[in-house]
Amino acid sequence: MYPAVDISAGKCVRLLQGKFGTETIYSDDPVKVALGFAKAGARWLHIVDLDGAKTGNPINRELVLDVVRLASCPVQAGGGLRSIDDVTEVLAAGANRAVLGTIALEDEQEMRDVCKRFGDRIAVSLDARGGHLTSHGWTVGTGIPLLEAVEQFERAGVSMFIYTDVSRDGTMTGADIEGLRKLAAATTLPVIASGGINSIEDLKGVARLHSEGVAGAIVGRAFYEGKFTVGEAMFASDQVVAGRDEPPLVES
């Protein structure tokens, strides 16, 4: 379970369906928010420079690096990582994993070089609308089918995928369970789910896919809106993975 801290213009925000201009500002101090999640017991943090993701100009990079340096738990960081030098900077600062998006779609050789150098510390963010990937912080449709891209990224040497159904992101309408299943079946690499989680039951639904290759879930707005706590989320997920929580009965 990965609490999400998305940074835009120096603030902690959440977008609705990945659309810039729909920001809800939750804090003027994203570093404090991130460290609060860590203090609450989060085992990982997911940090994104939204402006960097959109434009390639990493204007929030120092805030990202502050979180990486100060957090008491592992951090995966993304947003505006367009070159091997960008990746080196965040990993050298202490990030445990770099999350790549646009570079994976636009510069195959640079992507291969990054993976060759850093191997299992590289994840690719698969941000999809209608089954096709987007880039530049969800603002550009690529026309590339999601499942067709997976094999290419595997060959490049990435270690895992982060899957976001952009139409659900920030909506708290539930995770894309069907899409997660299809993606997990198409790859041998772990998949982290992102987008739409609204309740503990939503989170449990994702956790029940662990045997199919879904290794985690990124949670954003549900935390900020007080739907559940970090502790409750981790306990529920752990119960499912340990086999101590049965799925609800479906009436026929």
C-alpha atoms as a PDB file:
ATOM      1  CA  MET A   1       0.000   0.000   0.000  1.00  0.00           C
ATOM      2  CA  TYR A   2       1.545   3.242  -1.219  1.00  0.00           C
ATOM      3  CA  PRO A   3       0.188   6.608  -0.031  1.00  0.00           C
ATOM      4  CA  ALA A   4       0.413   9.041  -2.937  1.00  0.00           C
ATOM      5  CA  VAL A   5       1.841  12.546  -2.627  1.00  0.00           C
ATOM      6  CA  ASP A   6       1.382  14.455  -5.888  1.00  0.00           C
ATOM      7  CA  ILE A   7       3.098  17.847  -6.063  1.00  0.00           C
ATOM      8  CA  SER A   8       2.113  20.756  -8.289  1.00  0.00           C
ATOM      9  CA  ALA A   9       3.349  24.333  -7.896  1.00  0.00           C
ATOM     10  CA  GLY A  10       4.922  23.330  -4.600  1.00  0.00           C
ATOM     11  CA  LYS A  11       1.652  22.086  -3.087  1.00  0.00           C
ATOM     12  CA  CYS A  12       0.206  18.682  -2.294  1.00  0.00           C
ATOM     13  CA  VAL A  13      -2.706  18.182  -4.696  1.00  0.00           C
ATOM     14  CA  ARG A  14      -4.938  15.598  -6.305  1.00  0.00           C
ATOM     15  CA  LEU A  15      -6.169  15.813  -9.883  1.00  0.00           C
ATOM     16  CA  LEU A  16      -9.506  14.562 -11.153  1.00  0.00           C
ATOM     17  CA  GLN A  17      -9.098  12.024 -13.962  1.00  0.00           C
ATOM     18  CA  GLY A  18      -5.571  13.271 -14.557  1.00  0.00           C
ATOM     19  CA  LYS A  19      -6.751  16.681 -15.784  1.00  0.00           C
ATOM     20  CA  PHE A  20      -4.685  19.727 -14.936  1.00  0.00           C
ATOM     21  CA  GLY A  21      -6.889  22.582 -13.774  1.00  0.00           C
ATOM     22  CA  THR A  22      -8.966  20.241 -11.591  1.00  0.00           C
ATOM     23  CA  GLU A  23      -6.507  20.322  -8.691  1.00  0.00           C
ATOM     24  CA  THR A  24      -7.743  20.009  -5.142  1.00  0.00           C
ATOM     25  CA  ILE A  25      -5.069  21.448  -2.844  1.00  0.00           C
ATOM     26  CA  TYR A  26      -4.661  19.494   0.371  1.00  0.00           C
ATOM     27  CA  SER A  27      -1.541  21.109   1.805  1.00  0.00           C
ATOM     28  CA  ASP A  28       1.045  23.804   1.168  1.00  0.00           C
ATOM     29  CA  ASP A  29       3.675  21.463   2.613  1.00  0.00           C
ATOM     30  CA  PRO A  30       3.883  18.197   0.646  1.00  0.00           C
ATOM     31  CA  VAL A  31       7.021  17.128   2.491  1.00  0.00           C
ATOM     32  CA  LYS A  32       5.179  17.312   5.811  1.00  0.00           C
ATOM     33  CA  VAL A  33       2.301  15.307   4.327  1.00  0.00           C
ATOM     34  CA  ALA A  34       4.646  12.617   3.035  1.00  0.00           C
ATOM     35  CA  LEU A  35       6.522  12.342   6.324  1.00  0.00           C
ATOM     36  CA  GLY A  36       3.185  12.141   8.115  1.00  0.00           C
ATOM     37  CA  PHE A  37       2.267   9.070   6.075  1.00  0.00           C
ATOM     38  CA  ALA A  38       5.630   7.527   6.921  1.00  0.00           C
ATOM     39  CA  LYS A  39       5.165   8.309  10.611  1.00  0.00           C
ATOM     40  CA  ALA A  40       1.737   6.665  10.461  1.00  0.00           C
ATOM     41  CA  GLY A  41       3.465   3.437   9.459  1.00  0.00           C
ATOM     42  CA  ALA A  42       3.389   3.414   5.670  1.00  0.00           C
ATOM     43  CA  ARG A  43       5.868   0.886   4.298  1.00  0.00           C
ATOM     44  CA  TRP A  44       6.325   2.814   1.040  1.00  0.00           C
ATOM     45  CA  LEU A  45       5.588   6.279  -0.336  1.00  0.00           C
ATOM     46  CA  HIS A  46       4.705   7.216  -3.915  1.00  0.00           C
ATOM     47  CA  ILE A  47       5.894  10.746  -4.796  1.00  0.00           C
ATOM     48  CA  VAL A  48       5.218  12.484  -8.120  1.00  0.00           C
ATOM     49  CA  ASP A  49       6.235  15.877  -9.507  1.00  0.00           C
ATOM     50  CA  LEU A  50       3.129  16.530 -11.596  1.00  0.00           C
ATOM     51  CA  ASP A  51       4.561  19.616 -13.267  1.00  0.00           C
ATOM     52  CA  GLY A  52       7.674  17.673 -14.187  1.00  0.00           C
ATOM     53  CA  ALA A  53       5.558  14.872 -15.614  1.00  0.00           C
ATOM     54  CA  LYS A  54       3.608  17.316 -17.780  1.00  0.00           C
ATOM     55  CA  THR A  55       6.382  19.562 -19.060  1.00  0.00           C
ATOM     56  CA  GLY A  56       9.662  17.798 -18.376  1.00  0.00           C
ATOM     57  CA  ASN A  57      10.712  20.794 -16.265  1.00  0.00           C
ATOM     58  CA  PRO A  58      11.213  19.347 -12.754  1.00  0.00           C
ATOM     59  CA  ILE A  59      10.212  22.454 -10.815  1.00  0.00           C
ATOM     60  CA  ASN A  60       9.250  20.388  -7.757  1.00  0.00           C
ATOM     61  CA  ARG A  61      12.327  18.159  -7.847  1.00  0.00           C
ATOM     62  CA  GLU A  62      13.822  19.553  -4.635  1.00  0.00           C
ATOM     63  CA  LEU A  63      10.632  18.798  -2.722  1.00  0.00           C
ATOM     64  CA  VAL A  64      10.705  15.258  -4.082  1.00  0.00           C
ATOM     65  CA  LEU A  65      14.332  14.905  -3.028  1.00  0.00           C
ATOM     66  CA  ASP A  66      13.523  16.281   0.436  1.00  0.00           C
ATOM     67  CA  VAL A  67      10.974  13.497   0.901  1.00  0.00           C
ATOM     68  CA  VAL A  68      13.427  10.910  -0.377  1.00  0.00           C
ATOM     69  CA  ARG A  69      16.125  12.082   2.022  1.00  0.00           C
ATOM     70  CA  LEU A  70      13.909  12.453   5.093  1.00  0.00           C
ATOM     71  CA  ALA A  71      11.366   9.631   4.881  1.00  0.00           C
ATOM     72  CA  SER A  72      11.742   6.743   7.293  1.00  0.00           C
ATOM     73  CA  CYS A  73      10.380   4.266   4.727  1.00  0.00           C
ATOM     74  CA  PRO A  74      11.235   3.423   1.110  1.00  0.00           C
ATOM     75  CA  VAL A  75      10.129   5.891  -1.565  1.00  0.00           C
ATOM     76  CA  GLN A  76       9.321   5.476  -5.241  1.00  0.00           C
ATOM     77  CA  ALA A  77       9.591   8.767  -7.098  1.00  0.00           C
ATOM     78  CA  GLY A  78       8.478   9.913 -10.535  1.00  0.00           C
ATOM     79  CA  GLY A  79       7.484  12.894 -12.615  1.00  0.00           C
ATOM     80  CA  GLY A  80       9.804  14.545 -15.112  1.00  0.00           C
ATOM     81  CA  LEU A  81      12.426  11.803 -15.154  1.00  0.00           C
ATOM     82  CA  ARG A  82      13.345  12.169 -18.807  1.00  0.00           C
ATOM     83  CA  SER A  83      16.976  11.012 -18.828  1.00  0.00           C
ATOM     84  CA  ILE A  84      19.468   8.747 -17.130  1.00  0.00           C
ATOM     85  CA  ASP A  85      20.828  11.811 -15.318  1.00  0.00           C
ATOM     86  CA  ASP A  86      17.377  12.544 -13.836  1.00  0.00           C
ATOM     87  CA  VAL A  87      17.037   8.957 -12.681  1.00  0.00           C
ATOM     88  CA  THR A  88      20.550   8.984 -11.223  1.00  0.00           C
ATOM     89  CA  GLU A  89      19.729  12.134  -9.249  1.00  0.00           C
ATOM     90  CA  VAL A  90      16.666  10.722  -7.485  1.00  0.00           C
ATOM     91  CA  LEU A  91      18.209   7.308  -6.842  1.00  0.00           C
ATOM     92  CA  ALA A  92      21.462   8.807  -5.567  1.00  0.00           C
ATOM     93  CA  ALA A  93      19.435  10.932  -3.141  1.00  0.00           C
ATOM     94  CA  GLY A  94      18.009   7.747  -1.661  1.00  0.00           C
ATOM     95  CA  ALA A  95      14.896   6.861  -3.649  1.00  0.00           C
ATOM     96  CA  ASN A  96      14.430   3.113  -3.735  1.00  0.00           C
ATOM     97  CA  ARG A  97      12.677   3.116  -7.082  1.00  0.00           C
ATOM     98  CA  ALA A  98      12.330   5.507 -10.029  1.00  0.00           C
ATOM     99  CA  VAL A  99       9.031   5.593 -11.901  1.00  0.00           C
ATOM    100  CA  LEU A 100       9.311   6.400 -15.604  1.00  0.00           C
ATOM    101  CA  GLY A 101       6.554   7.388 -17.979  1.00  0.00           C
ATOM    102  CA  THR A 102       7.115   9.624 -20.982  1.00  0.00           C
ATOM    103  CA  ILE A 103      10.728   8.546 -21.543  1.00  0.00           C
ATOM    104  CA  ALA A 104       9.597   4.926 -21.780  1.00  0.00           C
ATOM    105  CA  LEU A 105       7.305   5.841 -24.662  1.00  0.00           C
ATOM    106  CA  GLU A 106       9.492   8.342 -26.491  1.00  0.00           C
ATOM    107  CA  ASP A 107      13.122   7.260 -26.108  1.00  0.00           C
ATOM    108  CA  GLU A 108      13.568   3.515 -26.216  1.00  0.00           C
ATOM    109  CA  GLN A 109      17.368   3.644 -26.180  1.00  0.00           C
ATOM    110  CA  GLU A 110      17.519   5.925 -23.149  1.00  0.00           C
ATOM    111  CA  MET A 111      15.024   3.633 -21.443  1.00  0.00           C
ATOM    112  CA  ARG A 112      17.198   0.614 -22.162  1.00  0.00           C
ATOM    113  CA  ASP A 113      20.275   2.429 -20.860  1.00  0.00           C
ATOM    114  CA  VAL A 114      18.464   3.340 -17.634  1.00  0.00           C
ATOM    115  CA  CYS A 115      17.322  -0.238 -17.112  1.00  0.00           C
ATOM    116  CA  LYS A 116      20.763  -1.633 -17.888  1.00  0.00           C
ATOM    117  CA  ARG A 117      22.295   0.604 -15.248  1.00  0.00           C
ATOM    118  CA  PHE A 118      19.672   0.425 -12.500  1.00  0.00           C
ATOM    119  CA  GLY A 119      17.797  -2.817 -13.184  1.00  0.00           C
ATOM    120  CA  ASP A 120      15.283  -3.686 -10.487  1.00  0.00           C
ATOM    121  CA  ARG A 121      15.008  -0.088  -9.274  1.00  0.00           C
ATOM    122  CA  ILE A 122      13.080   0.965 -12.396  1.00  0.00           C
ATOM    123  CA  ALA A 123       9.298   0.863 -12.793  1.00  0.00           C
ATOM    124  CA  VAL A 124       7.201   2.066 -15.719  1.00  0.00           C
ATOM    125  CA  SER A 125       3.948   3.909 -15.208  1.00  0.00           C
ATOM    126  CA  LEU A 126       1.237   2.651 -17.555  1.00  0.00           C
ATOM    127  CA  ASP A 127      -1.289   5.490 -17.592  1.00  0.00           C
ATOM    128  CA  ALA A 128      -4.184   4.503 -19.805  1.00  0.00           C
ATOM    129  CA  ARG A 129      -7.396   6.012 -21.127  1.00  0.00           C
ATOM    130  CA  GLY A 130      -9.669   3.653 -23.002  1.00  0.00           C
ATOM    131  CA  GLY A 131      -6.962   1.005 -23.129  1.00  0.00           C
ATOM    132  CA  HIS A 132      -4.374   3.313 -24.743  1.00  0.00           C
ATOM    133  CA  LEU A 133      -1.358   4.860 -23.056  1.00  0.00           C
ATOM    134  CA  THR A 134      -0.969   8.554 -22.313  1.00  0.00           C
ATOM    135  CA  SER A 135       2.201  10.566 -21.750  1.00  0.00           C
ATOM    136  CA  HIS A 136       3.368  13.994 -20.532  1.00  0.00           C
ATOM    137  CA  GLY A 137       1.461  13.761 -17.266  1.00  0.00           C
ATOM    138  CA  TRP A 138      -1.626  12.195 -18.849  1.00  0.00           C
ATOM    139  CA  THR A 139      -2.064  15.155 -21.237  1.00  0.00           C
ATOM    140  CA  VAL A 140      -1.061  13.475 -24.520  1.00  0.00           C
ATOM    141  CA  GLY A 141      -2.730  10.429 -26.011  1.00  0.00           C
ATOM    142  CA  THR A 142      -0.204   8.168 -27.699  1.00  0.00           C
ATOM    143  CA  GLY A 143      -2.528   5.762 -29.475  1.00  0.00           C
ATOM    144  CA  ILE A 144      -0.370   2.897 -28.184  1.00  0.00           C
ATOM    145  CA  PRO A 145      -2.455  -0.013 -26.872  1.00  0.00           C
ATOM    146  CA  LEU A 146      -1.593  -0.742 -23.261  1.00  0.00           C
ATOM    147  CA  LEU A 147      -1.021  -4.467 -23.610  1.00  0.00           C
ATOM    148  CA  GLU A 148       1.101  -4.082 -26.759  1.00  0.00           C
ATOM    149  CA  ALA A 149       3.526  -1.823 -24.886  1.00  0.00           C
ATOM    150  CA  VAL A 150       4.064  -4.253 -22.023  1.00  0.00           C
ATOM    151  CA  GLU A 151       6.279  -6.647 -23.983  1.00  0.00           C
ATOM    152  CA  GLN A 152       8.459  -3.778 -25.216  1.00  0.00           C
ATOM    153  CA  PHE A 153       9.040  -2.523 -21.684  1.00  0.00           C
ATOM    154  CA  GLU A 154       9.775  -6.014 -20.424  1.00  0.00           C
ATOM    155  CA  ARG A 155      12.461  -6.412 -23.077  1.00  0.00           C
ATOM    156  CA  ALA A 156      13.964  -3.095 -21.990  1.00  0.00           C
ATOM    157  CA  GLY A 157      14.470  -4.533 -18.512  1.00  0.00           C
ATOM    158  CA  VAL A 158      11.981  -2.766 -16.225  1.00  0.00           C
ATOM    159  CA  SER A 159      11.218  -4.393 -12.879  1.00  0.00           C
ATOM    160  CA  MET A 160       7.503  -3.663 -12.464  1.00  0.00           C
ATOM    161  CA  PHE A 161       4.520  -1.750 -13.770  1.00  0.00           C
ATOM    162  CA  ILE A 162       2.275   0.843 -12.163  1.00  0.00           C
ATOM    163  CA  TYR A 163      -1.137   0.767 -13.820  1.00  0.00           C
ATOM    164  CA  THR A 164      -3.492   3.738 -13.694  1.00  0.00           C
ATOM    165  CA  ASP A 165      -6.902   3.852 -15.332  1.00  0.00           C
ATOM    166  CA  VAL A 166      -6.778   7.632 -15.736  1.00  0.00           C
ATOM    167  CA  SER A 167     -10.558   7.919 -16.058  1.00  0.00           C
ATOM    168  CA  ARG A 168     -10.832   6.626 -12.482  1.00  0.00           C
ATOM    169  CA  ASP A 169      -7.935   8.508 -10.925  1.00  0.00           C
ATOM    170  CA  GLY A 170      -9.076  10.900  -8.231  1.00  0.00           C
ATOM    171  CA  THR A 171     -12.717   9.866  -8.640  1.00  0.00           C
ATOM    172  CA  MET A 172     -12.887   7.304  -5.811  1.00  0.00           C
ATOM    173  CA  THR A 173     -15.195   5.155  -7.976  1.00  0.00           C
ATOM    174  CA  GLY A 174     -13.321   1.895  -7.416  1.00  0.00           C
ATOM    175  CA  ALA A 175     -10.263   0.257  -8.925  1.00  0.00           C
ATOM    176  CA  ASP A 176     -10.215  -1.192 -12.435  1.00  0.00           C
ATOM    177  CA  ILE A 177     -10.210  -4.832 -11.356  1.00  0.00           C
ATOM    178  CA  GLU A 178     -10.831  -6.190 -14.853  1.00  0.00           C
ATOM    179  CA  GLY A 179      -8.035  -4.091 -16.331  1.00  0.00           C
ATOM    180  CA  LEU A 180      -5.665  -5.150 -13.570  1.00  0.00           C
ATOM    181  CA  ARG A 181      -6.426  -8.806 -14.232  1.00  0.00           C
ATOM    182  CA  LYS A 182      -5.775  -8.439 -17.950  1.00  0.00           C
ATOM    183  CA  LEU A 183      -2.500  -6.627 -17.377  1.00  0.00           C
ATOM    184  CA  ALA A 184      -1.291  -9.063 -14.733  1.00  0.00           C
ATOM    185  CA  ALA A 185      -2.075 -11.961 -17.066  1.00  0.00           C
ATOM    186  CA  ALA A 186      -0.057 -10.313 -19.849  1.00  0.00           C
ATOM    187  CA  THR A 187       3.181  -9.981 -17.872  1.00  0.00           C
ATOM    188  CA  THR A 188       5.338 -11.897 -15.439  1.00  0.00           C
ATOM    189  CA  LEU A 189       6.337  -8.650 -13.723  1.00  0.00           C
ATOM    190  CA  PRO A 190       4.616  -7.313 -10.594  1.00  0.00           C
ATOM    191  CA  VAL A 191       1.857  -4.765 -11.101  1.00  0.00           C
ATOM    192  CA  ILE A 192       0.925  -1.941  -8.726  1.00  0.00           C
ATOM    193  CA  ALA A 193      -2.638  -0.655  -8.994  1.00  0.00           C
ATOM    194  CA  SER A 194      -3.471   3.045  -8.979  1.00  0.00           C
ATOM    195  CA  GLY A 195      -6.655   5.031  -9.342  1.00  0.00           C
ATOM    196  CA  GLY A 196     -10.177   4.961  -7.957  1.00  0.00           C
ATOM    197  CA  ILE A 197      -9.755   3.312  -4.554  1.00  0.00           C
ATOM    198  CA  ASN A 198     -12.446   4.709  -2.253  1.00  0.00           C
ATOM    199  CA  SER A 199     -12.922   2.244   0.587  1.00  0.00           C
ATOM    200  CA  ILE A 200     -11.360  -0.588   2.514  1.00  0.00           C
ATOM    201  CA  GLU A 201     -13.439  -2.982   0.416  1.00  0.00           C
ATOM    202  CA  ASP A 202     -11.954  -1.484  -2.761  1.00  0.00           C
ATOM    203  CA  LEU A 203      -8.498  -2.002  -1.324  1.00  0.00           C
ATOM    204  CA  LYS A 204      -9.317  -5.572  -0.360  1.00  0.00           C
ATOM    205  CA  GLY A 205     -10.531  -6.200  -3.899  1.00  0.00           C
ATOM    206  CA  VAL A 206      -7.113  -5.216  -5.217  1.00  0.00           C
ATOM    207  CA  ALA A 207      -5.319  -7.214  -2.517  1.00  0.00           C
ATOM    208  CA  ARG A 208      -7.241 -10.333  -3.574  1.00  0.00           C
ATOM    209  CA  LEU A 209      -5.399 -10.132  -6.900  1.00  0.00           C
ATOM    210  CA  HIS A 210      -2.017 -10.665  -5.231  1.00  0.00           C
ATOM    211  CA  SER A 211      -1.861 -14.298  -6.382  1.00  0.00           C
ATOM    212  CA  GLU A 212      -2.378 -13.084  -9.963  1.00  0.00           C
ATOM    213  CA  GLY A 213       0.605 -10.725  -9.820  1.00  0.00           C
ATOM    214  CA  VAL A 214      -0.828  -7.501  -8.381  1.00  0.00           C
ATOM    215  CA  ALA A 215       1.756  -6.532  -5.785  1.00  0.00           C
ATOM    216  CA  GLY A 216       0.369  -3.330  -4.314  1.00  0.00           C
ATOM    217  CA  ALA A 217      -1.988  -0.379  -4.496  1.00  0.00           C
ATOM    218  CA  ILE A 218      -1.433   3.380  -4.602  1.00  0.00           C
ATOM    219  CA  VAL A 219      -3.982   5.320  -2.568  1.00  0.00           C
ATOM    220  CA  GLY A 220      -4.444   9.067  -2.775  1.00  0.00           C
ATOM    221  CA  ARG A 221      -7.683  10.981  -2.388  1.00  0.00           C
ATOM    222  CA  ALA A 222      -9.254   8.376  -0.095  1.00  0.00           C
ATOM    223  CA  PHE A 223      -6.596   9.152   2.515  1.00  0.00           C
ATOM    224  CA  TYR A 224      -6.951  12.892   2.100  1.00  0.00           C
ATOM    225  CA  GLU A 225     -10.740  12.696   2.375  1.00  0.00           C
ATOM    226  CA  GLY A 226     -10.511  10.581   5.534  1.00  0.00           C
ATOM    227  CA  LYS A 227     -12.125   7.454   4.107  1.00  0.00           C
ATOM    228  CA  PHE A 228      -9.665   5.286   6.061  1.00  0.00           C
ATOM    229  CA  THR A 229      -6.258   5.529   7.694  1.00  0.00           C
ATOM    230  CA  VAL A 230      -2.864   4.142   6.746  1.00  0.00           C
ATOM    231  CA  GLY A 231      -3.089   1.674   9.606  1.00  0.00           C
ATOM    232  CA  GLU A 232      -6.528   0.453   8.569  1.00  0.00           C
ATOM    233  CA  ALA A 233      -5.396   0.084   4.969  1.00  0.00           C
ATOM    234  CA  MET A 234      -2.321  -1.950   5.852  1.00  0.00           C
ATOM    235  CA  PHE A 235      -4.209  -4.181   8.275  1.00  0.00           C
ATOM    236  CA  ALA A 236      -6.938  -4.929   5.735  1.00  0.00           C
ATOM    237  CA  SER A 237      -4.431  -5.656   2.958  1.00  0.00           C
ATOM    238  CA  ASP A 238      -2.323  -7.869   5.212  1.00  0.00           C
ATOM    239  CA  GLN A 239      -5.391  -9.860   6.271  1.00  0.00           C
ATOM    240  CA  VAL A 240      -6.315 -10.560   2.663  1.00  0.00           C
ATOM    241  CA  VAL A 241      -2.809 -11.544   1.591  1.00  0.00           C
ATOM    242  CA  ALA A 242      -2.485 -13.823   4.626  1.00  0.00           C
ATOM    243  CA  GLY A 243      -5.754 -15.547   3.732  1.00  0.00           C
ATOM    244  CA  ARG A 244      -7.575 -14.366   6.819  1.00  0.00           C
ATOM    245  CA  ASP A 245     -10.244 -12.360   5.020  1.00  0.00           C
ATOM    246  CA  GLU A 246     -12.841 -13.968   2.815  1.00  0.00           C
ATOM    247  CA  PRO A 247     -14.378 -12.076  -0.130  1.00  0.00           C
ATOM    248  CA  PRO A 248     -18.018 -11.075   0.311  1.00  0.00           C
ATOM    249  CA  LEU A 249     -20.640 -13.570  -0.858  1.00  0.00           C
ATOM    250  CA  VAL A 250     -22.312 -12.713  -4.151  1.00  0.00           C
ATOM    251  CA  GLU A 251     -26.014 -13.418  -4.202  1.00  0.00           C
ATOM    252  CA  SER A 252     -27.186 -15.491  -7.143  1.00  0.00           C
END
